[in-house]
Amino acid sequence: MAEERETEVIHSWSAPRSLSTSLMYSFAQRDDTEVVDEPLYAHYLRVTGVDRPYREELLSKMESDGNKVVNNIIYGPGGKKYRYCKHIAKQRMPGLSNELMEKGKHFILIRNPLDILKSFHKVVPSSFHELGLADLVSIYSELCAAGKSPPIIDATELQEDPEAALRGLCEDLNIPFQASMLKWEAGPKSVDGIWAPWWYKSVHKSTGFVQTDKYRQPFPALLYDLLEQSLPFYNMLRSNARRKRFPKLPMPSLPVPANEKLLVWVGDEILPRDSAMVSVFDSVVQGGDSVWEGLRIYSGKVFKLEEHLDRLFDSAKALAFNNVPTRDEVKEAIFSTLMENGMFDNAHIRLILAEWKPPVYDNTRGITLVTATTRRNSPNNLDSKIHHNNLLNNILAKIEGNNANADDAIMLDKDGYVSETNATNIFLVKKGTVMTPPADYCLPGITRATVMDLVKMENLVLEVRRVSLSEFHTADEVWTTGTMGELSPVLKIDGRVIGDGTVGPITKRLQNSFNKLTEGLGVSSLKMVQEIKIKLVDCE
């Protein structure tokens, strides 16, 4: 029988379904470590009253007095140098002895809620409390405040490069790495908790950390709100992890180091610099649809504030912004941000207003167009062949279309010939001949090129030449092309009915050909998943 000795305790804190059991098995392979599986579980069930299928058996066989667990099981004498305690963060209940956190080595294991939720929900209905990510952040903050900043390891790192991840964790814990940690035997273990039959079926099939699936299972829509609640907590911890799957690019040195801790006004609230973000669906991201001003503050006063606001609101009006904040609301945002940052002299302010404009396509009933006075960019200024996000030229034309109650707007080149619409390429049919403008003043669209190929495959005549606006007005058929809209029939331009005002036969013919083409071509995501033989296995 091994002689009992004082054992150094290693605490692993995680949310459920975070590969915590796999990591416990990994530490159990060490010759200097004994492991304990969720020693506080019975205490948690007794205090909270939470129901589990194995609740009565667990309470009858495990110590449910939390402080006895801390004193006698977690920090009691042991037979090896280290004792590894696997903890689920929510099981740390109020009233436990301070020694739990004050003694031993602590680290935090995290996993993306996208992966946790799908796995956890199969066993227990998911909730914010059940995940315990807020508890995990509290543990991290408490340890940091006590001067014991815990290492953070992401489960993805364990799956993608187990040895490097384990070596890094051992280094952080100041214990030697042992190669035996990389493998274990399949099947149930003597160290498993009573709950293993409900939770450990998949991990019992494993013999080591399994490579993460390249493509995840579809995420259940009913868990979307919970995902939104959980991700900020995961992201906060991930930002402090030892290693990151996609490490951030090095930040350029700031001329004023204090700016690293800036507070920023976004929408209607003030946020820390790293949390100050806009949606990827915002029009400023999608198409550069925003207006801005640069302001300076001297001796507690914003210089030329009224003049800058005049220009800001004039610019917003020119871009037909809706729901623009009032002048007083903008001032409140400026002065609140300055006060929160303590900036009262020689500070620069970047003030940005942005909005969102939706596209409209109707491939069944057709769309209407008007001609915009805004001309398409010349290659002398900004080459339309560059698929860039600086779309203000197009947006100004779109505004004209909106004001005329049209779906989109035709844009002319500098010589008055039709170039394209504000969002798509454009074609016409006259006496059986298909025509489209050259790509001198428009984006050479991929759908445009595909339709040009289809025209030839259908044995139709195709002309690529400069086309005047009147030719579009008198065309037999017109349609637009783009990835989002595909082939959208145009039934009216500048009040002129195109053809007989219905979707034309050549338009329908090419729509059918395009639909058949899309059914057969393309890179199959399903086939790709099958080829890499994804194993849809949940890991504890």
Protein backbone atom coordinates (compact mmCIF):
# COMPACT_ATOMS: atom_id res chain seq x y z
CA MET A 1 0.00 0.00 0.00
CA ALA A 2 1.39 3.38 -0.99
CA GLU A 3 2.44 5.62 1.86
CA GLU A 4 0.18 8.64 2.30
CA ARG A 5 1.83 12.00 1.79
CA GLU A 6 0.93 15.63 1.34
CA THR A 7 -0.19 15.98 -2.24
CA GLU A 8 -0.04 19.06 -4.45
CA VAL A 9 -3.48 19.65 -5.97
CA ILE A 10 -4.06 20.66 -9.60
CA HIS A 11 -7.55 22.09 -10.22
CA SER A 12 -9.09 21.93 -13.67
CA TRP A 13 -12.08 24.26 -14.09
CA SER A 14 -14.35 24.04 -17.13
CA ALA A 15 -17.86 24.11 -18.50
CA PRO A 16 -19.42 20.69 -19.23
CA ARG A 17 -18.62 18.92 -22.51
CA SER A 18 -15.26 20.67 -22.83
CA LEU A 19 -13.02 17.59 -23.19
CA SER A 20 -12.56 17.75 -19.42
CA THR A 21 -12.91 13.97 -19.06
CA SER A 22 -10.38 13.36 -21.82
CA LEU A 23 -7.96 15.68 -20.07
CA MET A 24 -8.59 13.88 -16.76
CA TYR A 25 -7.75 10.57 -18.48
CA SER A 26 -4.61 12.20 -19.85
CA PHE A 27 -3.40 13.21 -16.37
CA ALA A 28 -4.36 9.79 -15.00
CA GLN A 29 -1.64 8.25 -17.23
CA ARG A 30 1.10 10.06 -15.32
CA ASP A 31 3.07 8.01 -12.82
CA ASP A 32 3.06 10.87 -10.30
CA THR A 33 -0.64 11.85 -10.40
CA GLU A 34 -3.92 10.58 -9.00
CA VAL A 35 -7.20 11.98 -10.34
CA VAL A 36 -10.58 12.80 -8.82
CA ASP A 37 -13.69 13.16 -10.98
CA GLU A 38 -15.90 16.13 -10.01
CA PRO A 39 -15.58 15.82 -6.23
CA LEU A 40 -18.05 18.69 -5.63
CA TYR A 41 -20.87 17.16 -7.71
CA ALA A 42 -22.90 15.73 -4.80
CA HIS A 43 -22.59 19.01 -2.88
CA TYR A 44 -23.89 20.85 -5.96
CA LEU A 45 -26.90 18.56 -6.32
CA ARG A 46 -27.75 18.77 -2.62
CA VAL A 47 -27.56 22.57 -2.49
CA THR A 48 -29.30 23.34 -5.79
CA GLY A 49 -31.83 20.53 -5.89
CA VAL A 50 -31.01 20.02 -9.58
CA ASP A 51 -32.43 16.78 -10.92
CA ARG A 52 -30.32 14.15 -12.66
CA PRO A 53 -31.17 10.52 -13.54
CA TYR A 54 -28.50 9.35 -11.10
CA ARG A 55 -29.18 11.94 -8.37
CA GLU A 56 -30.22 9.56 -5.54
CA GLU A 57 -27.42 7.08 -6.18
CA LEU A 58 -24.85 9.86 -6.33
CA LEU A 59 -26.06 11.47 -3.07
CA SER A 60 -25.98 8.11 -1.32
CA LYS A 61 -22.45 7.24 -2.40
CA MET A 62 -20.59 10.59 -2.55
CA GLU A 63 -19.85 13.05 0.22
CA SER A 64 -22.32 15.95 -0.19
CA ASP A 65 -20.88 18.30 2.45
CA GLY A 66 -18.77 20.63 0.35
CA ASN A 67 -16.36 21.66 3.07
CA LYS A 68 -15.72 18.03 4.05
CA VAL A 69 -14.97 17.39 0.38
CA VAL A 70 -12.50 20.28 0.30
CA ASN A 71 -10.73 19.25 3.50
CA ASN A 72 -10.78 15.46 3.26
CA ILE A 73 -10.93 14.61 -0.44
CA ILE A 74 -9.48 17.50 -2.40
CA TYR A 75 -6.78 18.48 0.09
CA GLY A 76 -6.57 15.26 2.09
CA PRO A 77 -3.37 13.20 2.14
CA GLY A 78 -2.64 11.10 -0.94
CA GLY A 79 -0.31 8.50 -2.29
CA LYS A 80 1.22 10.47 -5.18
CA LYS A 81 2.92 13.81 -5.70
CA TYR A 82 -0.02 15.41 -7.54
CA ARG A 83 -3.80 15.13 -7.27
CA TYR A 84 -5.70 16.25 -10.35
CA CYS A 85 -9.24 17.43 -9.56
CA LYS A 86 -11.63 17.82 -12.46
CA HIS A 87 -14.20 20.51 -11.61
CA ILE A 88 -17.23 21.85 -13.47
CA ALA A 89 -17.35 25.58 -12.76
CA LYS A 90 -21.03 25.75 -11.74
CA GLN A 91 -20.37 23.20 -8.97
CA ARG A 92 -18.40 25.76 -6.95
CA MET A 93 -21.23 26.90 -4.69
CA PRO A 94 -21.21 29.81 -2.20
CA GLY A 95 -20.14 28.92 1.33
CA LEU A 96 -17.27 26.62 0.41
CA SER A 97 -14.01 27.00 2.28
CA ASN A 98 -11.70 29.72 0.93
CA GLU A 99 -8.96 27.09 0.87
CA LEU A 100 -10.51 25.65 -2.30
CA MET A 101 -9.26 28.60 -4.33
CA GLU A 102 -6.36 29.74 -2.17
CA LYS A 103 -4.43 26.48 -2.30
CA GLY A 104 -3.18 24.36 -5.18
CA LYS A 105 -2.53 25.08 -8.85
CA HIS A 106 -5.50 26.16 -10.98
CA PHE A 107 -6.09 26.26 -14.72
CA ILE A 108 -9.13 26.81 -16.93
CA LEU A 109 -10.23 24.64 -19.84
CA ILE A 110 -12.51 26.31 -22.39
CA ARG A 111 -14.41 25.15 -25.46
CA ASN A 112 -16.46 27.00 -28.06
CA PRO A 113 -20.17 27.02 -27.07
CA LEU A 114 -20.94 26.03 -30.66
CA ASP A 115 -19.51 22.63 -29.76
CA ILE A 116 -20.60 22.46 -26.12
CA LEU A 117 -24.27 23.21 -26.69
CA LYS A 118 -24.96 20.57 -29.34
CA SER A 119 -23.31 17.89 -27.21
CA PHE A 120 -24.73 18.92 -23.81
CA HIS A 121 -28.30 19.32 -25.08
CA LYS A 122 -28.42 15.63 -26.04
CA VAL A 123 -28.25 14.67 -22.35
CA VAL A 124 -29.69 17.63 -20.41
CA PRO A 125 -31.79 20.59 -21.68
CA SER A 126 -29.34 23.45 -22.07
CA SER A 127 -29.57 26.70 -20.15
CA PHE A 128 -27.19 29.51 -19.31
CA HIS A 129 -26.90 28.21 -15.73
CA GLU A 130 -26.25 24.62 -16.85
CA LEU A 131 -23.32 25.73 -19.02
CA GLY A 132 -21.75 27.73 -16.20
CA LEU A 133 -19.64 29.97 -18.42
CA ALA A 134 -20.37 32.96 -16.19
CA ASP A 135 -19.13 30.88 -13.23
CA LEU A 136 -15.98 30.09 -15.20
CA VAL A 137 -15.33 33.80 -15.80
CA SER A 138 -15.92 34.49 -12.10
CA ILE A 139 -13.34 31.84 -11.17
CA TYR A 140 -10.85 33.37 -13.57
CA SER A 141 -11.45 36.90 -12.24
CA GLU A 142 -11.20 35.78 -8.62
CA LEU A 143 -7.92 33.98 -9.19
CA CYS A 144 -6.49 36.97 -11.07
CA ALA A 145 -7.53 39.32 -8.27
CA ALA A 146 -5.69 37.06 -5.82
CA GLY A 147 -2.52 37.29 -7.93
CA LYS A 148 -2.86 33.70 -9.21
CA SER A 149 -3.73 34.26 -12.89
CA PRO A 150 -4.64 30.76 -14.11
CA PRO A 151 -3.45 29.36 -17.44
CA ILE A 152 -6.27 29.00 -19.98
CA ILE A 153 -6.23 26.22 -22.55
CA ASP A 154 -8.71 25.86 -25.41
CA ALA A 155 -10.01 22.35 -26.11
CA THR A 156 -9.40 22.92 -29.81
CA GLU A 157 -5.66 23.10 -29.13
CA LEU A 158 -5.80 19.72 -27.40
CA GLN A 159 -7.51 18.21 -30.44
CA GLU A 160 -5.29 19.77 -33.09
CA ASP A 161 -1.87 19.41 -31.44
CA PRO A 162 -2.19 17.44 -28.19
CA GLU A 163 1.50 17.23 -27.40
CA ALA A 164 2.18 20.93 -27.86
CA ALA A 165 -0.93 21.84 -25.85
CA LEU A 166 -0.07 19.47 -23.00
CA ARG A 167 3.57 20.53 -22.93
CA GLY A 168 2.45 24.17 -22.70
CA LEU A 169 -0.02 23.37 -19.91
CA CYS A 170 2.59 21.43 -17.93
CA GLU A 171 5.01 24.30 -18.35
CA ASP A 172 2.40 26.73 -17.00
CA LEU A 173 1.70 24.41 -14.06
CA ASN A 174 5.43 23.99 -13.45
CA ILE A 175 5.28 20.21 -13.69
CA PRO A 176 7.21 17.95 -16.08
CA PHE A 177 5.47 16.76 -19.23
CA GLN A 178 5.12 12.99 -19.59
CA ALA A 179 4.59 11.39 -23.00
CA SER A 180 2.21 8.88 -21.42
CA MET A 181 -0.37 11.70 -21.24
CA LEU A 182 -1.02 11.36 -24.98
CA LYS A 183 -2.66 7.90 -24.88
CA TRP A 184 -4.99 5.84 -22.70
CA GLU A 185 -6.91 2.60 -23.05
CA ALA A 186 -10.49 2.62 -24.34
CA GLY A 187 -13.36 1.71 -22.03
CA PRO A 188 -14.68 2.76 -18.60
CA LYS A 189 -12.14 3.74 -15.95
CA SER A 190 -12.01 3.13 -12.22
CA VAL A 191 -11.74 6.90 -11.72
CA ASP A 192 -15.06 7.59 -13.51
CA GLY A 193 -17.87 9.21 -11.57
CA ILE A 194 -21.24 7.51 -11.08
CA TRP A 195 -22.63 9.62 -13.93
CA ALA A 196 -20.27 8.08 -16.53
CA PRO A 197 -22.90 5.87 -18.26
CA TRP A 198 -24.92 8.99 -19.10
CA TRP A 199 -22.06 11.26 -20.15
CA TYR A 200 -18.94 9.29 -21.07
CA LYS A 201 -20.09 6.93 -23.85
CA SER A 202 -18.07 8.69 -26.54
CA VAL A 203 -14.93 9.30 -24.52
CA HIS A 204 -14.90 5.63 -23.52
CA LYS A 205 -14.37 4.82 -27.20
CA SER A 206 -11.31 7.08 -27.38
CA THR A 207 -7.66 6.28 -26.80
CA GLY A 208 -6.39 9.85 -27.06
CA PHE A 209 -7.37 13.33 -28.12
CA VAL A 210 -9.24 13.13 -31.44
CA GLN A 211 -8.61 15.61 -34.26
CA THR A 212 -11.39 18.21 -34.32
CA ASP A 213 -13.96 17.87 -37.08
CA LYS A 214 -13.22 20.25 -39.93
CA TYR A 215 -16.93 20.74 -40.52
CA ARG A 216 -19.36 20.91 -37.62
CA GLN A 217 -22.83 19.41 -37.43
CA PRO A 218 -25.65 21.87 -38.20
CA PHE A 219 -26.32 24.06 -35.18
CA PRO A 220 -29.87 23.72 -33.75
CA ALA A 221 -31.85 26.94 -34.19
CA LEU A 222 -33.51 26.52 -30.78
CA LEU A 223 -30.09 27.02 -29.12
CA TYR A 224 -29.24 30.22 -31.02
CA ASP A 225 -30.24 32.63 -28.24
CA LEU A 226 -28.23 30.65 -25.69
CA LEU A 227 -25.24 30.71 -28.03
CA GLU A 228 -25.47 34.51 -28.24
CA GLN A 229 -25.55 34.71 -24.43
CA SER A 230 -22.60 32.35 -24.02
CA LEU A 231 -20.13 33.48 -26.67
CA PRO A 232 -19.03 36.73 -24.95
CA PHE A 233 -17.89 34.74 -21.89
CA TYR A 234 -16.01 32.23 -24.02
CA ASN A 235 -14.42 35.00 -26.09
CA MET A 236 -13.32 36.86 -22.98
CA LEU A 237 -11.53 33.76 -21.68
CA ARG A 238 -10.16 32.84 -25.11
CA SER A 239 -8.56 36.28 -25.42
CA ASN A 240 -6.43 35.34 -22.41
CA ALA A 241 -5.63 31.78 -23.48
CA ARG A 242 -2.00 30.67 -23.66
CA ARG A 243 -2.28 29.73 -27.33
CA LYS A 244 -4.88 30.60 -29.93
CA ARG A 245 -5.89 28.71 -33.05
CA PHE A 246 -5.90 31.96 -35.01
CA PRO A 247 -3.58 34.29 -33.09
CA LYS A 248 -4.23 37.96 -33.49
CA LEU A 249 -1.94 39.92 -35.72
CA PRO A 250 0.55 41.95 -33.71
CA MET A 251 -0.90 45.34 -32.87
CA PRO A 252 1.06 48.33 -34.16
CA SER A 253 2.66 50.41 -31.47
CA LEU A 254 0.37 53.21 -30.34
CA PRO A 255 1.75 56.78 -30.31
CA VAL A 256 -0.12 57.25 -27.02
CA PRO A 257 0.10 54.02 -24.94
CA ALA A 258 -2.89 55.12 -22.83
CA ASN A 259 -5.09 54.64 -25.92
CA GLU A 260 -4.83 50.88 -25.41
CA LYS A 261 -7.45 51.25 -22.68
CA LEU A 262 -9.86 53.48 -24.59
CA LEU A 263 -13.61 53.46 -24.05
CA VAL A 264 -15.66 53.77 -27.24
CA TRP A 265 -19.27 54.77 -27.92
CA VAL A 266 -21.04 52.23 -30.17
CA GLY A 267 -24.75 52.55 -30.88
CA ASP A 268 -26.11 53.69 -27.53
CA GLU A 269 -23.47 52.43 -25.10
CA ILE A 270 -19.85 52.83 -24.09
CA LEU A 271 -17.63 49.77 -24.50
CA PRO A 272 -13.96 48.85 -23.91
CA ARG A 273 -11.79 49.22 -27.00
CA ASP A 274 -11.58 45.47 -27.72
CA SER A 275 -15.37 45.10 -27.40
CA ALA A 276 -16.22 48.07 -29.63
CA MET A 277 -17.44 46.33 -32.78
CA VAL A 278 -20.08 46.66 -35.49
CA SER A 279 -21.95 43.83 -37.18
CA VAL A 280 -20.52 42.24 -40.32
CA PHE A 281 -23.95 43.00 -41.81
CA ASP A 282 -23.56 46.72 -41.21
CA SER A 283 -23.48 48.72 -44.43
CA VAL A 284 -20.17 50.33 -43.47
CA VAL A 285 -18.64 46.84 -43.67
CA GLN A 286 -20.65 45.60 -46.64
CA GLY A 287 -20.21 48.64 -48.85
CA GLY A 288 -18.48 51.54 -47.12
CA ASP A 289 -21.88 53.18 -46.55
CA SER A 290 -21.06 55.62 -43.77
CA VAL A 291 -20.20 59.25 -43.11
CA TRP A 292 -17.65 60.56 -40.65
CA GLU A 293 -16.03 63.57 -39.06
CA GLY A 294 -12.69 64.12 -37.34
CA LEU A 295 -12.85 66.40 -34.30
CA ARG A 296 -10.22 67.85 -31.97
CA ILE A 297 -10.54 68.95 -28.36
CA TYR A 298 -8.41 71.74 -26.91
CA SER A 299 -8.53 72.96 -23.30
CA GLY A 300 -11.79 71.16 -22.62
CA LYS A 301 -13.59 72.46 -25.75
CA VAL A 302 -14.40 70.63 -29.00
CA PHE A 303 -13.07 72.88 -31.77
CA LYS A 304 -15.59 73.87 -34.49
CA LEU A 305 -18.08 71.27 -33.25
CA GLU A 306 -21.14 72.88 -34.83
CA GLU A 307 -19.45 73.15 -38.23
CA HIS A 308 -18.42 69.51 -38.13
CA LEU A 309 -21.92 68.42 -37.15
CA ASP A 310 -23.38 70.52 -39.99
CA ARG A 311 -21.22 68.62 -42.45
CA LEU A 312 -21.96 65.25 -40.81
CA PHE A 313 -25.73 65.72 -41.06
CA ASP A 314 -25.48 67.11 -44.61
CA SER A 315 -23.50 64.02 -45.64
CA ALA A 316 -26.01 61.69 -43.97
CA LYS A 317 -28.85 63.47 -45.77
CA ALA A 318 -27.02 63.18 -49.12
CA LEU A 319 -26.81 59.41 -48.56
CA ALA A 320 -30.50 59.28 -47.55
CA PHE A 321 -29.78 57.86 -44.10
CA ASN A 322 -32.82 56.91 -42.03
CA ASN A 323 -33.13 56.99 -38.24
CA VAL A 324 -30.23 59.41 -37.83
CA PRO A 325 -29.65 60.37 -34.18
CA THR A 326 -30.47 63.94 -33.24
CA ARG A 327 -27.83 66.62 -32.89
CA ASP A 328 -28.22 66.54 -29.11
CA GLU A 329 -27.84 62.74 -29.06
CA VAL A 330 -24.60 62.96 -31.05
CA LYS A 331 -23.29 65.63 -28.68
CA GLU A 332 -24.20 63.47 -25.69
CA ALA A 333 -22.24 60.57 -27.20
CA ILE A 334 -19.21 62.81 -27.81
CA PHE A 335 -19.11 64.40 -24.37
CA SER A 336 -19.94 61.18 -22.49
CA THR A 337 -17.09 59.39 -24.25
CA LEU A 338 -14.67 62.22 -23.51
CA MET A 339 -15.67 62.26 -19.84
CA GLU A 340 -15.36 58.49 -19.44
CA ASN A 341 -11.88 58.58 -20.97
CA GLY A 342 -10.80 61.68 -19.05
CA MET A 343 -9.81 63.38 -22.33
CA PHE A 344 -9.99 67.14 -22.03
CA ASP A 345 -7.12 68.46 -24.12
CA ASN A 346 -5.34 67.67 -27.41
CA ALA A 347 -7.52 64.65 -28.16
CA HIS A 348 -8.78 63.48 -31.57
CA ILE A 349 -12.31 62.17 -32.05
CA ARG A 350 -13.46 59.98 -34.96
CA LEU A 351 -17.24 60.25 -35.33
CA ILE A 352 -18.93 57.74 -37.69
CA LEU A 353 -22.56 57.27 -38.74
CA ALA A 354 -23.52 54.12 -40.66
CA GLU A 355 -26.70 52.37 -41.78
CA TRP A 356 -28.01 49.37 -43.74
CA LYS A 357 -29.74 49.30 -47.16
CA PRO A 358 -31.31 46.00 -48.29
CA PRO A 359 -31.12 44.68 -51.89
CA VAL A 360 -34.33 43.73 -53.72
CA TYR A 361 -34.69 41.04 -56.44
CA ASP A 362 -37.76 39.34 -57.88
CA ASN A 363 -36.98 36.65 -60.44
CA THR A 364 -40.60 35.56 -60.94
CA ARG A 365 -42.60 38.76 -61.39
CA GLY A 366 -39.71 40.95 -62.50
CA ILE A 367 -38.28 44.28 -61.36
CA THR A 368 -38.39 47.93 -62.44
CA LEU A 369 -35.42 50.19 -63.11
CA VAL A 370 -34.81 53.91 -63.48
CA THR A 371 -31.77 55.65 -64.89
CA ALA A 372 -29.62 57.39 -62.29
CA THR A 373 -27.90 60.71 -62.85
CA THR A 374 -24.94 59.30 -60.92
CA ARG A 375 -22.41 58.01 -63.47
CA ARG A 376 -20.44 54.79 -63.08
CA ASN A 377 -16.83 55.20 -62.02
CA SER A 378 -14.28 55.61 -64.79
CA PRO A 379 -11.17 53.40 -64.65
CA ASN A 380 -9.30 56.71 -64.45
CA ASN A 381 -10.72 57.14 -60.95
CA LEU A 382 -11.63 53.74 -59.53
CA ASP A 383 -11.52 50.67 -61.75
CA SER A 384 -14.80 48.75 -61.59
CA LYS A 385 -12.93 45.52 -62.25
CA ILE A 386 -11.71 45.64 -58.66
CA HIS A 387 -14.36 43.95 -56.52
CA HIS A 388 -13.94 46.41 -53.65
CA ASN A 389 -16.13 47.52 -50.78
CA ASN A 390 -16.09 51.21 -51.68
CA LEU A 391 -19.64 51.23 -53.07
CA LEU A 392 -20.72 54.82 -52.46
CA ASN A 393 -20.88 55.44 -56.20
CA ASN A 394 -23.39 52.58 -56.50
CA ILE A 395 -25.20 53.57 -53.30
CA LEU A 396 -25.88 57.08 -54.60
CA ALA A 397 -27.46 55.54 -57.68
CA LYS A 398 -29.46 53.14 -55.51
CA ILE A 399 -30.81 56.10 -53.54
CA GLU A 400 -32.10 57.59 -56.80
CA GLY A 401 -33.80 54.29 -57.54
CA ASN A 402 -35.38 54.21 -54.09
CA ASN A 403 -36.65 57.75 -54.44
CA ALA A 404 -38.28 56.81 -57.76
CA ASN A 405 -39.89 53.71 -56.17
CA ALA A 406 -37.84 51.50 -58.49
CA ASP A 407 -36.04 48.31 -57.47
CA ASP A 408 -32.63 49.37 -58.80
CA ALA A 409 -31.01 52.04 -60.96
CA ILE A 410 -29.25 51.89 -64.32
CA MET A 411 -25.86 53.64 -64.32
CA LEU A 412 -24.37 55.22 -67.44
CA ASP A 413 -20.70 55.60 -68.28
CA LYS A 414 -19.04 58.98 -68.84
CA ASP A 415 -20.22 59.04 -72.48
CA GLY A 416 -23.84 58.26 -71.68
CA TYR A 417 -23.88 54.57 -72.63
CA VAL A 418 -25.37 51.99 -70.28
CA SER A 419 -22.78 50.43 -67.98
CA GLU A 420 -24.73 48.29 -65.46
CA THR A 421 -27.15 48.78 -62.58
CA ASN A 422 -26.07 49.86 -59.13
CA ALA A 423 -25.79 46.17 -58.11
CA THR A 424 -25.85 43.95 -61.21
CA ASN A 425 -24.82 43.52 -64.83
CA ILE A 426 -27.51 44.00 -67.48
CA PHE A 427 -28.58 42.33 -70.76
CA LEU A 428 -31.18 43.06 -73.43
CA VAL A 429 -32.77 41.12 -76.28
CA LYS A 430 -33.74 42.75 -79.60
CA LYS A 431 -35.08 40.66 -82.48
CA GLY A 432 -33.51 37.51 -81.06
CA THR A 433 -30.04 39.03 -80.49
CA VAL A 434 -28.72 39.22 -76.91
CA MET A 435 -26.63 42.29 -76.09
CA THR A 436 -24.67 43.39 -73.03
CA PRO A 437 -22.28 46.32 -72.43
CA PRO A 438 -18.52 45.66 -72.35
CA ALA A 439 -16.80 45.51 -68.97
CA ASP A 440 -15.04 48.86 -69.45
CA TYR A 441 -17.16 50.63 -66.83
CA CYS A 442 -18.67 47.69 -64.96
CA LEU A 443 -17.65 44.70 -62.91
CA PRO A 444 -17.02 41.66 -65.16
CA GLY A 445 -19.43 39.55 -63.13
CA ILE A 446 -19.11 35.80 -62.78
CA THR A 447 -22.85 35.33 -63.33
CA ARG A 448 -22.58 37.68 -66.34
CA ALA A 449 -19.87 35.47 -67.85
CA THR A 450 -21.90 32.34 -67.09
CA VAL A 451 -24.97 33.75 -68.85
CA MET A 452 -22.85 34.80 -71.84
CA ASP A 453 -21.70 31.16 -72.11
CA LEU A 454 -25.29 29.95 -71.84
CA VAL A 455 -26.38 32.32 -74.61
CA LYS A 456 -23.85 30.65 -76.92
CA MET A 457 -24.83 27.15 -75.74
CA GLU A 458 -28.45 27.97 -76.59
CA ASN A 459 -27.31 28.93 -80.12
CA LEU A 460 -28.35 32.54 -79.64
CA VAL A 461 -26.49 35.51 -81.11
CA LEU A 462 -24.47 37.50 -78.51
CA GLU A 463 -23.17 41.01 -79.02
CA VAL A 464 -20.87 42.69 -76.47
CA ARG A 465 -20.84 46.37 -77.40
CA ARG A 466 -21.70 49.83 -76.17
CA VAL A 467 -25.47 50.03 -75.79
CA SER A 468 -27.43 53.27 -75.55
CA LEU A 469 -30.20 53.91 -73.05
CA SER A 470 -32.83 54.17 -75.79
CA GLU A 471 -31.91 50.66 -76.94
CA PHE A 472 -32.82 49.39 -73.49
CA HIS A 473 -36.05 51.41 -73.54
CA THR A 474 -37.09 49.73 -76.81
CA ALA A 475 -35.76 46.23 -76.10
CA ASP A 476 -37.93 43.13 -76.39
CA GLU A 477 -36.53 41.70 -73.15
CA VAL A 478 -34.16 42.89 -70.41
CA TRP A 479 -32.70 41.10 -67.42
CA THR A 480 -29.99 41.69 -64.82
CA THR A 481 -27.44 39.19 -63.53
CA GLY A 482 -25.68 38.77 -60.21
CA THR A 483 -24.82 36.09 -57.67
CA MET A 484 -27.61 37.10 -55.30
CA GLY A 485 -30.29 37.91 -57.88
CA GLU A 486 -29.26 35.34 -60.51
CA LEU A 487 -31.30 36.31 -63.63
CA SER A 488 -33.87 38.95 -62.69
CA PRO A 489 -36.32 39.95 -65.45
CA VAL A 490 -36.78 43.71 -65.97
CA LEU A 491 -40.33 44.71 -66.90
CA LYS A 492 -40.06 48.51 -66.91
CA ILE A 493 -37.28 51.10 -67.34
CA ASP A 494 -37.89 54.82 -66.76
CA GLY A 495 -41.62 54.26 -67.08
CA ARG A 496 -41.28 52.39 -70.40
CA VAL A 497 -42.75 48.89 -70.49
CA ILE A 498 -40.22 46.36 -71.78
CA GLY A 499 -41.67 44.14 -74.52
CA ASP A 500 -45.22 43.17 -73.57
CA GLY A 501 -44.60 43.74 -69.87
CA THR A 502 -44.09 40.06 -68.99
CA VAL A 503 -41.06 37.82 -68.57
CA GLY A 504 -39.82 37.11 -72.09
CA PRO A 505 -39.23 33.69 -73.68
CA ILE A 506 -35.44 34.05 -73.97
CA THR A 507 -35.24 35.21 -70.36
CA LYS A 508 -37.19 32.12 -69.24
CA ARG A 509 -35.08 29.88 -71.46
CA LEU A 510 -31.83 31.18 -69.96
CA GLN A 511 -33.24 31.04 -66.42
CA ASN A 512 -34.02 27.34 -66.95
CA SER A 513 -30.55 26.71 -68.39
CA PHE A 514 -28.97 28.54 -65.47
CA ASN A 515 -30.99 26.52 -62.93
CA LYS A 516 -29.94 23.25 -64.58
CA LEU A 517 -26.32 24.40 -64.55
CA THR A 518 -26.41 25.20 -60.84
CA GLU A 519 -27.83 21.75 -60.09
CA GLY A 520 -24.81 20.04 -61.64
CA LEU A 521 -21.86 22.38 -61.03
CA GLY A 522 -20.19 23.60 -57.87
CA VAL A 523 -18.08 22.27 -55.02
CA SER A 524 -20.32 20.01 -52.91
CA SER A 525 -20.07 20.75 -49.21
CA LEU A 526 -21.79 17.43 -48.44
CA LYS A 527 -19.39 15.50 -50.65
CA MET A 528 -16.45 17.30 -49.05
CA VAL A 529 -17.67 16.24 -45.63
CA GLN A 530 -18.04 12.65 -46.81
CA GLU A 531 -14.59 12.61 -48.39
CA ILE A 532 -12.85 13.59 -45.18
CA LYS A 533 -15.01 11.02 -43.33
CA ILE A 534 -16.13 13.33 -40.60
CA LYS A 535 -16.87 11.50 -37.40
CA LEU A 536 -19.84 13.17 -35.77
CA VAL A 537 -18.67 12.19 -32.30
CA ASP A 538 -19.23 14.18 -29.14
CA CYS A 539 -16.23 14.42 -26.85
CA GLU A 540 -16.50 14.96 -23.09
